[in-house]
Amino acid sequence: MSPRSASVNEELRRRSRERLLQATVELVAEHGYEATTLGDIADRAGTARGLVSYYFPGKRQLLQSAVHRLMHRTLDSALEREPRTDDGRERLARAIDAILGLARDEPLLMRTHMAGILQAEGFVQCPEQQRLAELLRDTVTRYGSADVDTDYPLLRALLMGAVVAVLLPGAPMPAARLRAELFQRYGLDWELGFPPDGGPPDGTFPSAC
């Protein structure tokens, strides 16, 4: 049997890494961060335990990469949803709704992710985070930003703050109210993106933007 080519080996490594990231998202969402072990993740992914340490320095870094992958895939799906559009305002509205939707649909996972970012390890730079950043930067560019290097970090910070506000234990903010504030900040009509049922909160949209 001839040895595998470099491209085949690279594809196998990519698939193994993807399985580990997907298994991490599933297990942390099901059981929480503390109850999920690296061995559990390897078993769910169908890979050797040593591969986890080969790809990731620790569980916290693995989780951040896994959640960044989920965010990237969710955002990409929202931006490319039919009917597809190149309109910058619509794409920004979809981006906001996609991230707020993750806070709504995956509260345990997103709360754990945000808590990890605030710990000593801080914000992990990884391929998944870079792909997410590229999508958000492209969204800001299409929206019409004249200074993407300033406006992209601001949008990222505002979205992170909104997720924290939705998930804050004991004092959560309604997602619809946060959506309205973000939409008003960026001059977006409430009907753009994927508006929730019930219309905007009272007093947030006194007139069309």
C-alpha atoms as a PDB file:
ATOM      1  CA  MET A   1       0.000   0.000   0.000  1.00  0.00           C
ATOM      2  CA  SER A   2       1.416   3.365  -0.989  1.00  0.00           C
ATOM      3  CA  PRO A   3       1.699   6.046   1.706  1.00  0.00           C
ATOM      4  CA  ARG A   4      -1.035   8.652   1.914  1.00  0.00           C
ATOM      5  CA  SER A   5      -0.356  11.950   0.217  1.00  0.00           C
ATOM      6  CA  ALA A   6       0.144  15.146   2.196  1.00  0.00           C
ATOM      7  CA  SER A   7      -3.252  16.435   1.036  1.00  0.00           C
ATOM      8  CA  VAL A   8      -5.014  13.292   2.241  1.00  0.00           C
ATOM      9  CA  ASN A   9      -3.283  13.502   5.626  1.00  0.00           C
ATOM     10  CA  GLU A  10      -4.258  17.152   5.916  1.00  0.00           C
ATOM     11  CA  GLU A  11      -7.889  16.321   5.164  1.00  0.00           C
ATOM     12  CA  LEU A  12      -7.894  13.561   7.780  1.00  0.00           C
ATOM     13  CA  ARG A  13      -6.476  15.961  10.369  1.00  0.00           C
ATOM     14  CA  ARG A  14      -9.093  18.551   9.463  1.00  0.00           C
ATOM     15  CA  ARG A  15     -11.896  16.031   9.887  1.00  0.00           C
ATOM     16  CA  SER A  16     -10.558  14.846  13.240  1.00  0.00           C
ATOM     17  CA  ARG A  17     -10.373  18.415  14.487  1.00  0.00           C
ATOM     18  CA  GLU A  18     -13.899  19.130  13.260  1.00  0.00           C
ATOM     19  CA  ARG A  19     -15.246  16.067  15.082  1.00  0.00           C
ATOM     20  CA  LEU A  20     -13.589  17.189  18.309  1.00  0.00           C
ATOM     21  CA  LEU A  21     -15.075  20.684  18.009  1.00  0.00           C
ATOM     22  CA  GLN A  22     -18.548  19.336  17.304  1.00  0.00           C
ATOM     23  CA  ALA A  23     -18.346  16.847  20.173  1.00  0.00           C
ATOM     24  CA  THR A  24     -17.301  19.634  22.549  1.00  0.00           C
ATOM     25  CA  VAL A  25     -20.303  21.782  21.641  1.00  0.00           C
ATOM     26  CA  GLU A  26     -22.674  18.861  22.072  1.00  0.00           C
ATOM     27  CA  LEU A  27     -21.316  17.643  25.406  1.00  0.00           C
ATOM     28  CA  VAL A  28     -20.968  21.045  27.079  1.00  0.00           C
ATOM     29  CA  ALA A  29     -24.490  21.961  25.978  1.00  0.00           C
ATOM     30  CA  GLU A  30     -25.782  18.672  27.404  1.00  0.00           C
ATOM     31  CA  HIS A  31     -23.798  18.350  30.631  1.00  0.00           C
ATOM     32  CA  GLY A  32     -21.989  21.632  31.318  1.00  0.00           C
ATOM     33  CA  TYR A  33     -18.317  22.485  31.224  1.00  0.00           C
ATOM     34  CA  GLU A  34     -17.158  20.981  34.517  1.00  0.00           C
ATOM     35  CA  ALA A  35     -18.908  17.653  33.915  1.00  0.00           C
ATOM     36  CA  THR A  36     -17.405  17.265  30.449  1.00  0.00           C
ATOM     37  CA  THR A  37     -13.940  15.689  30.318  1.00  0.00           C
ATOM     38  CA  LEU A  38     -11.453  15.569  27.482  1.00  0.00           C
ATOM     39  CA  GLY A  39     -11.908  11.809  27.488  1.00  0.00           C
ATOM     40  CA  ASP A  40     -15.659  12.269  27.007  1.00  0.00           C
ATOM     41  CA  ILE A  41     -14.997  14.561  24.060  1.00  0.00           C
ATOM     42  CA  ALA A  42     -12.570  12.120  22.443  1.00  0.00           C
ATOM     43  CA  ASP A  43     -15.052   9.267  22.889  1.00  0.00           C
ATOM     44  CA  ARG A  44     -17.919  11.263  21.362  1.00  0.00           C
ATOM     45  CA  ALA A  45     -15.693  12.308  18.459  1.00  0.00           C
ATOM     46  CA  GLY A  46     -14.445   8.752  17.908  1.00  0.00           C
ATOM     47  CA  THR A  47     -10.802   9.810  18.166  1.00  0.00           C
ATOM     48  CA  ALA A  48      -7.843   8.919  20.342  1.00  0.00           C
ATOM     49  CA  ARG A  49      -7.501  10.861  23.595  1.00  0.00           C
ATOM     50  CA  GLY A  50      -4.036  12.013  22.579  1.00  0.00           C
ATOM     51  CA  LEU A  51      -5.417  13.853  19.555  1.00  0.00           C
ATOM     52  CA  VAL A  52      -7.218  16.316  21.824  1.00  0.00           C
ATOM     53  CA  SER A  53      -3.934  17.448  23.362  1.00  0.00           C
ATOM     54  CA  TYR A  54      -2.284  17.428  19.935  1.00  0.00           C
ATOM     55  CA  TYR A  55      -4.735  19.991  18.560  1.00  0.00           C
ATOM     56  CA  PHE A  56      -5.570  22.011  21.682  1.00  0.00           C
ATOM     57  CA  PRO A  57      -3.502  23.045  24.742  1.00  0.00           C
ATOM     58  CA  GLY A  58      -6.428  22.572  27.140  1.00  0.00           C
ATOM     59  CA  LYS A  59     -10.169  22.191  27.592  1.00  0.00           C
ATOM     60  CA  ARG A  60     -10.833  25.917  27.859  1.00  0.00           C
ATOM     61  CA  GLN A  61      -9.089  26.610  24.550  1.00  0.00           C
ATOM     62  CA  LEU A  62     -10.937  23.703  22.957  1.00  0.00           C
ATOM     63  CA  LEU A  63     -14.270  25.091  24.117  1.00  0.00           C
ATOM     64  CA  GLN A  64     -13.540  28.574  22.783  1.00  0.00           C
ATOM     65  CA  SER A  65     -12.581  27.165  19.389  1.00  0.00           C
ATOM     66  CA  ALA A  66     -15.691  24.987  19.379  1.00  0.00           C
ATOM     67  CA  VAL A  67     -18.000  27.895  20.183  1.00  0.00           C
ATOM     68  CA  HIS A  68     -16.276  30.170  17.665  1.00  0.00           C
ATOM     69  CA  ARG A  69     -16.876  27.455  15.064  1.00  0.00           C
ATOM     70  CA  LEU A  70     -20.541  27.287  16.044  1.00  0.00           C
ATOM     71  CA  MET A  71     -20.830  31.074  15.861  1.00  0.00           C
ATOM     72  CA  HIS A  72     -19.130  31.170  12.467  1.00  0.00           C
ATOM     73  CA  ARG A  73     -21.390  28.454  11.048  1.00  0.00           C
ATOM     74  CA  THR A  74     -24.514  30.054  12.492  1.00  0.00           C
ATOM     75  CA  LEU A  75     -23.569  33.492  11.193  1.00  0.00           C
ATOM     76  CA  ASP A  76     -22.632  32.164   7.754  1.00  0.00           C
ATOM     77  CA  SER A  77     -25.960  30.320   7.513  1.00  0.00           C
ATOM     78  CA  ALA A  78     -27.883  33.458   8.485  1.00  0.00           C
ATOM     79  CA  LEU A  79     -26.038  35.654   5.995  1.00  0.00           C
ATOM     80  CA  GLU A  80     -26.537  33.184   3.129  1.00  0.00           C
ATOM     81  CA  ARG A  81     -30.155  32.353   3.948  1.00  0.00           C
ATOM     82  CA  GLU A  82     -32.614  32.731   1.083  1.00  0.00           C
ATOM     83  CA  PRO A  83     -33.363  35.184  -0.272  1.00  0.00           C
ATOM     84  CA  ARG A  84     -29.645  35.932  -0.496  1.00  0.00           C
ATOM     85  CA  THR A  85     -28.720  39.578  -0.472  1.00  0.00           C
ATOM     86  CA  ASP A  86     -25.732  41.881  -0.743  1.00  0.00           C
ATOM     87  CA  ASP A  87     -27.551  44.707   1.043  1.00  0.00           C
ATOM     88  CA  GLY A  88     -25.296  45.776   3.903  1.00  0.00           C
ATOM     89  CA  ARG A  89     -28.089  46.830   6.254  1.00  0.00           C
ATOM     90  CA  GLU A  90     -29.929  43.529   5.838  1.00  0.00           C
ATOM     91  CA  ARG A  91     -26.742  41.551   6.373  1.00  0.00           C
ATOM     92  CA  LEU A  92     -25.920  43.474   9.550  1.00  0.00           C
ATOM     93  CA  ALA A  93     -29.444  42.851  10.841  1.00  0.00           C
ATOM     94  CA  ARG A  94     -29.044  39.136  10.143  1.00  0.00           C
ATOM     95  CA  ALA A  95     -25.703  39.100  11.942  1.00  0.00           C
ATOM     96  CA  ILE A  96     -27.179  40.698  15.052  1.00  0.00           C
ATOM     97  CA  ASP A  97     -30.114  38.288  15.030  1.00  0.00           C
ATOM     98  CA  ALA A  98     -27.838  35.279  14.535  1.00  0.00           C
ATOM     99  CA  ILE A  99     -25.700  36.059  17.590  1.00  0.00           C
ATOM    100  CA  LEU A 100     -28.670  36.954  19.795  1.00  0.00           C
ATOM    101  CA  GLY A 101     -30.311  33.740  18.589  1.00  0.00           C
ATOM    102  CA  LEU A 102     -27.387  31.703  19.886  1.00  0.00           C
ATOM    103  CA  ALA A 103     -27.787  33.282  23.321  1.00  0.00           C
ATOM    104  CA  ARG A 104     -31.450  32.290  23.200  1.00  0.00           C
ATOM    105  CA  ASP A 105     -30.970  28.768  21.810  1.00  0.00           C
ATOM    106  CA  GLU A 106     -27.718  27.749  23.566  1.00  0.00           C
ATOM    107  CA  PRO A 107     -27.740  29.591  26.907  1.00  0.00           C
ATOM    108  CA  LEU A 108     -25.534  27.165  28.854  1.00  0.00           C
ATOM    109  CA  LEU A 109     -22.975  26.937  26.084  1.00  0.00           C
ATOM    110  CA  MET A 110     -22.799  30.683  25.460  1.00  0.00           C
ATOM    111  CA  ARG A 111     -22.719  31.558  29.178  1.00  0.00           C
ATOM    112  CA  THR A 112     -19.818  29.138  29.655  1.00  0.00           C
ATOM    113  CA  HIS A 113     -18.034  30.609  26.651  1.00  0.00           C
ATOM    114  CA  MET A 114     -18.361  34.188  27.875  1.00  0.00           C
ATOM    115  CA  ALA A 115     -17.214  33.219  31.367  1.00  0.00           C
ATOM    116  CA  GLY A 116     -14.125  31.560  29.886  1.00  0.00           C
ATOM    117  CA  ILE A 117     -13.176  34.664  27.936  1.00  0.00           C
ATOM    118  CA  LEU A 118     -13.155  36.651  31.162  1.00  0.00           C
ATOM    119  CA  GLN A 119     -10.799  34.207  32.882  1.00  0.00           C
ATOM    120  CA  ALA A 120      -7.022  34.280  32.898  1.00  0.00           C
ATOM    121  CA  GLU A 121      -6.619  32.607  29.493  1.00  0.00           C
ATOM    122  CA  GLY A 122      -8.568  35.434  27.881  1.00  0.00           C
ATOM    123  CA  PHE A 123      -9.557  35.524  24.247  1.00  0.00           C
ATOM    124  CA  VAL A 124      -8.191  32.597  22.228  1.00  0.00           C
ATOM    125  CA  GLN A 125      -6.895  33.329  18.729  1.00  0.00           C
ATOM    126  CA  CYS A 126      -7.650  30.282  16.586  1.00  0.00           C
ATOM    127  CA  PRO A 127      -8.678  29.469  13.011  1.00  0.00           C
ATOM    128  CA  GLU A 128     -12.341  29.356  14.019  1.00  0.00           C
ATOM    129  CA  GLN A 129     -12.167  32.785  15.629  1.00  0.00           C
ATOM    130  CA  GLN A 130     -10.396  34.156  12.570  1.00  0.00           C
ATOM    131  CA  ARG A 131     -13.132  32.875  10.253  1.00  0.00           C
ATOM    132  CA  LEU A 132     -15.764  34.423  12.497  1.00  0.00           C
ATOM    133  CA  ALA A 133     -13.860  37.714  12.482  1.00  0.00           C
ATOM    134  CA  GLU A 134     -13.641  37.663   8.692  1.00  0.00           C
ATOM    135  CA  LEU A 135     -17.406  37.282   8.389  1.00  0.00           C
ATOM    136  CA  LEU A 136     -18.089  40.122  10.816  1.00  0.00           C
ATOM    137  CA  ARG A 137     -15.507  42.373   9.152  1.00  0.00           C
ATOM    138  CA  ASP A 138     -17.095  41.667   5.778  1.00  0.00           C
ATOM    139  CA  THR A 139     -20.504  42.497   7.233  1.00  0.00           C
ATOM    140  CA  VAL A 140     -19.223  45.816   8.570  1.00  0.00           C
ATOM    141  CA  THR A 141     -17.610  46.573   5.215  1.00  0.00           C
ATOM    142  CA  ARG A 142     -20.811  45.878   3.290  1.00  0.00           C
ATOM    143  CA  TYR A 143     -22.749  47.975   5.772  1.00  0.00           C
ATOM    144  CA  GLY A 144     -20.659  50.893   4.552  1.00  0.00           C
ATOM    145  CA  SER A 145     -18.050  51.444   7.258  1.00  0.00           C
ATOM    146  CA  ALA A 146     -15.361  53.943   6.389  1.00  0.00           C
ATOM    147  CA  ASP A 147     -13.094  52.577   9.162  1.00  0.00           C
ATOM    148  CA  VAL A 148     -13.493  48.823   9.468  1.00  0.00           C
ATOM    149  CA  ASP A 149     -10.545  48.473  11.862  1.00  0.00           C
ATOM    150  CA  THR A 150     -12.469  50.612  14.365  1.00  0.00           C
ATOM    151  CA  ASP A 151     -16.027  49.597  13.584  1.00  0.00           C
ATOM    152  CA  TYR A 152     -15.484  45.834  13.575  1.00  0.00           C
ATOM    153  CA  PRO A 153     -14.108  45.660  17.169  1.00  0.00           C
ATOM    154  CA  LEU A 154     -16.955  47.929  18.287  1.00  0.00           C
ATOM    155  CA  LEU A 155     -19.580  45.669  16.723  1.00  0.00           C
ATOM    156  CA  ARG A 156     -17.901  42.636  18.292  1.00  0.00           C
ATOM    157  CA  ALA A 157     -17.922  44.311  21.699  1.00  0.00           C
ATOM    158  CA  LEU A 158     -21.571  45.334  21.367  1.00  0.00           C
ATOM    159  CA  LEU A 159     -22.599  41.804  20.390  1.00  0.00           C
ATOM    160  CA  MET A 160     -20.614  40.286  23.253  1.00  0.00           C
ATOM    161  CA  GLY A 161     -22.203  42.759  25.658  1.00  0.00           C
ATOM    162  CA  ALA A 162     -25.671  41.901  24.367  1.00  0.00           C
ATOM    163  CA  VAL A 163     -25.043  38.171  24.832  1.00  0.00           C
ATOM    164  CA  VAL A 164     -23.865  38.765  28.412  1.00  0.00           C
ATOM    165  CA  ALA A 165     -26.918  40.928  29.103  1.00  0.00           C
ATOM    166  CA  VAL A 166     -29.301  38.241  27.791  1.00  0.00           C
ATOM    167  CA  LEU A 167     -27.617  35.541  29.893  1.00  0.00           C
ATOM    168  CA  LEU A 168     -26.884  37.484  33.084  1.00  0.00           C
ATOM    169  CA  PRO A 169     -28.082  35.263  35.944  1.00  0.00           C
ATOM    170  CA  GLY A 170     -30.742  36.921  38.042  1.00  0.00           C
ATOM    171  CA  ALA A 171     -31.056  40.049  35.908  1.00  0.00           C
ATOM    172  CA  PRO A 172     -31.327  39.131  32.221  1.00  0.00           C
ATOM    173  CA  MET A 173     -32.262  41.762  29.661  1.00  0.00           C
ATOM    174  CA  PRO A 174     -35.002  40.894  27.153  1.00  0.00           C
ATOM    175  CA  ALA A 175     -33.435  39.987  23.820  1.00  0.00           C
ATOM    176  CA  ALA A 176     -36.025  42.063  21.946  1.00  0.00           C
ATOM    177  CA  ARG A 177     -35.030  45.192  23.870  1.00  0.00           C
ATOM    178  CA  LEU A 178     -31.331  44.616  23.150  1.00  0.00           C
ATOM    179  CA  ARG A 179     -32.130  43.979  19.492  1.00  0.00           C
ATOM    180  CA  ALA A 180     -34.040  47.251  19.341  1.00  0.00           C
ATOM    181  CA  GLU A 181     -31.146  49.169  20.872  1.00  0.00           C
ATOM    182  CA  LEU A 182     -28.633  47.668  18.445  1.00  0.00           C
ATOM    183  CA  PHE A 183     -30.917  48.259  15.475  1.00  0.00           C
ATOM    184  CA  GLN A 184     -31.441  51.883  16.459  1.00  0.00           C
ATOM    185  CA  ARG A 185     -27.710  52.391  16.902  1.00  0.00           C
ATOM    186  CA  TYR A 186     -27.057  51.195  13.370  1.00  0.00           C
ATOM    187  CA  GLY A 187     -30.153  52.757  11.802  1.00  0.00           C
ATOM    188  CA  LEU A 188     -31.776  49.423  10.935  1.00  0.00           C
ATOM    189  CA  ASP A 189     -35.509  48.957  10.403  1.00  0.00           C
ATOM    190  CA  TRP A 190     -37.107  46.511  12.842  1.00  0.00           C
ATOM    191  CA  GLU A 191     -38.385  44.405   9.929  1.00  0.00           C
ATOM    192  CA  LEU A 192     -34.877  43.619   8.676  1.00  0.00           C
ATOM    193  CA  GLY A 193     -33.167  40.360   9.566  1.00  0.00           C
ATOM    194  CA  PHE A 194     -35.298  37.843  11.454  1.00  0.00           C
ATOM    195  CA  PRO A 195     -37.615  39.957  13.634  1.00  0.00           C
ATOM    196  CA  PRO A 196     -39.160  38.214  16.642  1.00  0.00           C
ATOM    197  CA  ASP A 197     -42.910  37.901  17.023  1.00  0.00           C
ATOM    198  CA  GLY A 198     -44.767  40.725  18.701  1.00  0.00           C
ATOM    199  CA  GLY A 199     -43.082  43.720  17.127  1.00  0.00           C
ATOM    200  CA  PRO A 200     -40.570  46.097  18.744  1.00  0.00           C
ATOM    201  CA  PRO A 201     -40.719  46.940  22.460  1.00  0.00           C
ATOM    202  CA  ASP A 202     -42.881  49.951  23.226  1.00  0.00           C
ATOM    203  CA  GLY A 203     -41.164  53.261  22.552  1.00  0.00           C
ATOM    204  CA  THR A 204     -38.078  51.852  20.849  1.00  0.00           C
ATOM    205  CA  PHE A 205     -39.138  52.544  17.266  1.00  0.00           C
ATOM    206  CA  PRO A 206     -41.297  55.674  17.300  1.00  0.00           C
ATOM    207  CA  SER A 207     -40.783  56.113  13.572  1.00  0.00           C
ATOM    208  CA  ALA A 208     -39.221  54.323  10.637  1.00  0.00           C
ATOM    209  CA  CYS A 209     -35.426  54.561  10.477  1.00  0.00           C
END
